[in-house]
Protein backbone atom coordinates (compact mmCIF):
# COMPACT_ATOMS: atom_id res chain seq x y z
CA MET A 1 301.52 213.47 127.17
CA ALA A 2 301.96 216.72 125.35
CA CYS A 3 297.86 217.58 125.80
CA CYS A 4 297.55 216.51 129.46
CA ASP A 5 300.54 218.01 130.27
CA CYS A 6 302.14 214.79 131.81
CA ASP A 7 305.88 214.46 132.43
CA ASP A 8 306.05 210.81 132.98
CA LEU A 9 303.91 207.73 132.29
CA LEU A 10 303.59 204.16 132.47
CA PHE A 11 302.74 202.04 128.93
CA THR A 12 301.81 198.35 129.48
CA CYS A 13 302.07 196.44 126.29
CA TRP A 14 299.16 193.14 126.98
CA SER A 15 298.80 190.09 124.64
CA LYS A 16 297.92 186.71 126.10
CA THR A 17 300.67 185.57 127.83
CA SER A 18 302.53 188.27 129.23
CA THR A 19 301.76 192.45 130.07
CA THR A 20 305.30 194.62 129.71
CA VAL A 21 305.53 197.54 131.18
CA PHE A 22 307.74 200.96 130.91
CA LYS A 23 308.02 204.19 132.25
CA VAL A 24 308.17 207.14 129.87
CA THR A 25 309.37 210.44 130.73
CA PHE A 26 307.99 213.34 128.34
CA ASP A 27 309.96 215.27 125.66
CA GLU A 28 309.87 218.28 124.76
CA THR A 29 312.25 218.95 122.14
CA LEU A 30 311.53 215.98 120.51
CA TRP A 31 307.80 216.38 121.03
CA THR A 32 307.89 219.99 119.19
CA VAL A 33 310.14 218.69 116.22
CA ILE A 34 307.54 216.29 115.73
CA TRP A 35 304.76 218.42 116.13
CA LYS A 36 306.43 221.16 113.33
CA GLU A 37 306.55 218.27 110.98
CA LEU A 38 302.97 217.17 111.68
CA THR A 39 301.48 221.24 111.54
CA ALA A 40 303.75 221.83 108.56
CA ALA A 41 302.67 218.95 106.85
CA TYR A 42 299.21 219.04 107.55
CA ASN A 43 297.70 221.87 108.45
CA ALA A 44 297.33 223.34 105.48
CA GLU A 45 294.21 223.83 103.67
CA GLY A 46 293.32 221.05 101.46
CA SER A 47 296.78 219.21 102.30
CA LYS A 48 297.29 215.28 101.03
CA ARG A 49 299.09 212.51 102.48
CA PRO A 50 303.14 213.75 101.68
CA LYS A 51 305.03 211.87 99.50
CA ARG A 52 308.46 213.06 100.31
CA PHE A 53 309.60 212.31 104.12
CA PRO A 54 310.99 215.41 105.63
CA GLU A 55 314.42 216.91 104.99
CA ASN A 56 315.71 216.32 108.45
CA LYS A 57 314.12 212.78 108.67
CA ARG A 58 317.15 211.53 109.45
CA LYS A 59 317.39 214.32 112.71
CA ILE A 60 314.30 213.21 113.72
CA GLU A 61 315.33 209.44 113.57
CA GLU A 62 318.18 209.99 115.80
CA MET A 63 316.75 212.12 118.91
CA ILE A 64 313.72 209.11 118.69
CA ASN A 65 316.21 206.36 119.11
CA GLU A 66 318.10 208.79 121.80
CA PHE A 67 314.76 209.14 123.50
CA ARG A 68 314.31 205.61 123.01
CA ARG A 69 317.70 204.61 125.32
CA ASN A 70 317.27 208.39 128.05
CA CYS A 71 313.51 208.39 128.33
CA VAL A 72 311.79 204.88 128.16
CA THR A 73 312.72 202.66 130.94
CA PHE A 74 311.71 198.79 130.76
CA ILE A 75 310.26 198.25 134.35
CA ARG A 76 309.23 194.35 134.49
CA GLU A 77 306.97 191.79 132.23
CA PHE A 78 304.47 190.15 134.02
CA PRO A 79 302.16 186.57 133.01
CA SER A 80 299.05 188.03 131.91
CA CYS A 81 295.26 186.77 132.86
CA HIS A 82 292.78 186.33 130.72
CA VAL A 83 289.13 186.78 131.46
CA SER A 84 285.95 185.25 129.18
CA ALA A 85 282.54 184.93 130.09
CA SER A 86 282.86 181.22 130.82
CA HIS A 87 286.84 180.91 132.44
CA THR A 88 289.78 182.94 133.60
CA GLU A 89 293.23 181.52 132.51
CA VAL A 90 296.20 182.55 134.49
CA ASN A 91 299.44 182.41 132.21
CA TYR A 92 301.50 181.05 134.92
CA ASP A 93 305.00 179.77 134.85
CA GLY A 94 305.69 179.50 138.75
CA ARG A 95 308.44 182.20 138.47
CA ASN A 96 306.06 185.09 139.75
CA GLU A 97 305.14 185.43 143.70
CA TYR A 98 302.41 188.29 143.25
CA VAL A 99 299.76 185.54 140.70
C-alpha cells in the first residue's frame, strides 16, 4: 500500500468453494515501525537472517492486532466460480441472488 500510495484496498481470499473480500485501510504508523525493523535487520551489507526477535516484538504484535481490529473490515463471502478448459463449475448453495 505504501509503494502504491494507496489508502484503501480490497483484499480477496479465494478458494475453490468461497471467495472472501476485506477492505483494508493503510496505517502509516504501523508501516513505519515495521519498515524500520526490516531495514535494521536486512539493510546492512552481508546481512543474514536474524536469529532473535526484535526487542519491540510485543509492541509490534499489539500494533498488528489493533490494526486488524480497526483497519480491516470484512465485506462479504461469496461462492466461488471455477473455470477449466472442459467445464465451468459454480459452487452455488441457493443463498446468493447474484449467482
